[in-house]
């Protein structure tokens, strides 16, 4: 049985707050199985967007794990906002979570797969 997206996002928020960071749900999607996008902001103004990793990144031994790919970094925030708007038009059930991880690297909060 797969963990619902709602529960997974709640756990992510707790991990971020527990690490001394800040997190907010910018767009709440489908409770059961919405795709999650993470917009990570650094304290020095850097920004990165992570989205669901391709299906080929998943391990059949751990089908419940959620993996992310870096979709872009250090671009203008407007570029990421436009990308997320296109994603919302394609799939209105997506989640968008914005985090400021604090002193913990984002890769310790979410599982990032290199492409």
Protein backbone atom coordinates (compact mmCIF):
# COMPACT_ATOMS: atom_id res chain seq x y z
CA UNK A 1 0.00 0.00 0.00
CA UNK A 2 1.45 3.35 -1.06
CA UNK A 3 1.57 6.32 1.29
CA UNK A 4 -0.85 9.06 0.20
CA UNK A 5 0.60 12.27 -1.16
CA UNK A 6 -1.10 14.20 1.63
CA UNK A 7 0.70 12.13 4.27
CA UNK A 8 4.04 12.27 2.41
CA UNK A 9 3.88 16.08 2.13
CA UNK A 10 3.00 16.35 5.83
CA UNK A 11 6.06 14.25 6.67
CA UNK A 12 8.24 16.45 4.42
CA UNK A 13 7.03 19.58 6.21
CA UNK A 14 7.87 18.01 9.58
CA UNK A 15 11.36 17.04 8.36
CA UNK A 16 12.02 20.58 7.11
CA UNK A 17 10.76 22.22 10.31
CA UNK A 18 12.70 19.67 12.39
CA UNK A 19 15.87 20.65 10.53
CA UNK A 20 15.34 24.31 11.36
CA UNK A 21 13.97 25.29 7.97
CA UNK A 22 10.67 26.63 6.71
CA UNK A 23 8.12 25.00 4.40
CA UNK A 24 4.71 25.82 2.98
CA UNK A 25 2.26 24.12 0.66
CA UNK A 26 1.81 26.55 -2.23
CA UNK A 27 -0.66 24.34 -4.10
CA UNK A 28 -2.52 21.41 -2.64
CA UNK A 29 -3.22 18.68 -5.16
CA UNK A 30 -4.93 15.30 -5.12
CA UNK A 31 -4.84 13.76 -1.64
CA UNK A 32 -4.23 10.22 -2.81
CA UNK A 33 -1.72 10.42 -5.64
CA UNK A 34 -0.88 13.92 -6.84
CA UNK A 35 2.59 14.57 -8.25
CA UNK A 36 4.81 16.69 -5.97
CA UNK A 37 7.06 19.56 -7.07
CA UNK A 38 9.48 21.08 -4.56
CA UNK A 39 10.70 24.65 -4.93
CA UNK A 40 13.78 25.00 -2.74
CA UNK A 41 15.05 28.44 -1.79
CA UNK A 42 18.40 29.07 -0.18
CA UNK A 43 19.10 31.76 2.36
CA UNK A 44 21.40 33.54 -0.08
CA UNK A 45 18.71 33.79 -2.78
CA UNK A 46 19.50 30.65 -4.76
CA UNK A 47 16.51 28.68 -6.02
CA UNK A 48 15.99 25.17 -7.41
CA UNK A 49 12.99 23.25 -8.70
CA UNK A 50 12.62 19.50 -8.17
CA UNK A 51 9.95 17.38 -9.83
CA UNK A 52 9.00 13.73 -9.97
CA UNK A 53 11.83 11.56 -11.29
CA UNK A 54 11.23 9.49 -14.43
CA UNK A 55 9.67 6.06 -13.88
CA UNK A 56 12.97 4.44 -14.84
CA UNK A 57 14.49 5.84 -11.64
CA UNK A 58 12.29 3.73 -9.40
CA UNK A 59 13.44 0.53 -7.77
CA UNK A 60 10.94 -2.33 -8.07
CA UNK A 61 12.07 -3.53 -4.63
CA UNK A 62 10.96 -0.17 -3.12
CA UNK A 63 7.94 0.91 -5.16
CA UNK A 64 6.67 3.25 -2.41
CA UNK A 65 9.70 5.57 -2.38
CA UNK A 66 9.30 8.98 -4.03
CA UNK A 67 12.23 10.19 -6.09
CA UNK A 68 12.86 13.64 -7.52
CA UNK A 69 14.92 15.09 -10.35
CA UNK A 70 16.44 18.55 -10.44
CA UNK A 71 14.46 20.44 -13.09
CA UNK A 72 16.42 23.68 -12.85
CA UNK A 73 18.55 25.77 -10.53
CA UNK A 74 19.62 29.38 -10.08
CA UNK A 75 17.16 30.67 -12.66
CA UNK A 76 14.81 33.59 -12.21
CA UNK A 77 11.84 32.70 -9.98
CA UNK A 78 9.51 33.78 -12.80
CA UNK A 79 10.87 30.95 -14.97
CA UNK A 80 9.96 28.40 -12.32
CA UNK A 81 6.55 30.00 -11.74
CA UNK A 82 5.82 29.74 -15.47
CA UNK A 83 6.94 26.10 -15.51
CA UNK A 84 4.69 25.28 -12.56
CA UNK A 85 1.74 27.03 -14.24
CA UNK A 86 2.26 24.83 -17.33
CA UNK A 87 2.42 21.76 -15.08
CA UNK A 88 -0.85 22.79 -13.38
CA UNK A 89 -2.57 23.14 -16.75
CA UNK A 90 -1.33 19.70 -17.77
CA UNK A 91 -2.18 18.07 -14.41
CA UNK A 92 -4.38 20.06 -12.01
CA UNK A 93 -3.75 17.51 -9.23
CA UNK A 94 -0.10 18.48 -8.63
CA UNK A 95 1.28 19.63 -5.29
CA UNK A 96 3.76 22.49 -5.01
CA UNK A 97 5.77 22.70 -1.80
CA UNK A 98 8.17 25.56 -1.20
CA UNK A 99 10.95 24.98 1.29
CA UNK A 100 13.87 26.83 2.77
CA UNK A 101 15.87 23.93 4.14
CA UNK A 102 18.09 25.93 6.45
CA UNK A 103 21.41 24.28 7.24
CA UNK A 104 20.39 20.86 5.89
CA UNK A 105 20.92 20.12 2.18
CA UNK A 106 17.70 19.55 0.25
CA UNK A 107 19.05 16.15 -0.80
CA UNK A 108 18.77 15.03 2.83
CA UNK A 109 15.08 15.95 2.89
CA UNK A 110 14.00 14.44 -0.44
CA UNK A 111 15.47 11.60 -2.51
CA UNK A 112 17.07 13.20 -5.57
CA UNK A 113 18.09 11.01 -8.51
CA UNK A 114 20.65 12.32 -10.96
CA UNK A 115 19.64 12.10 -14.59
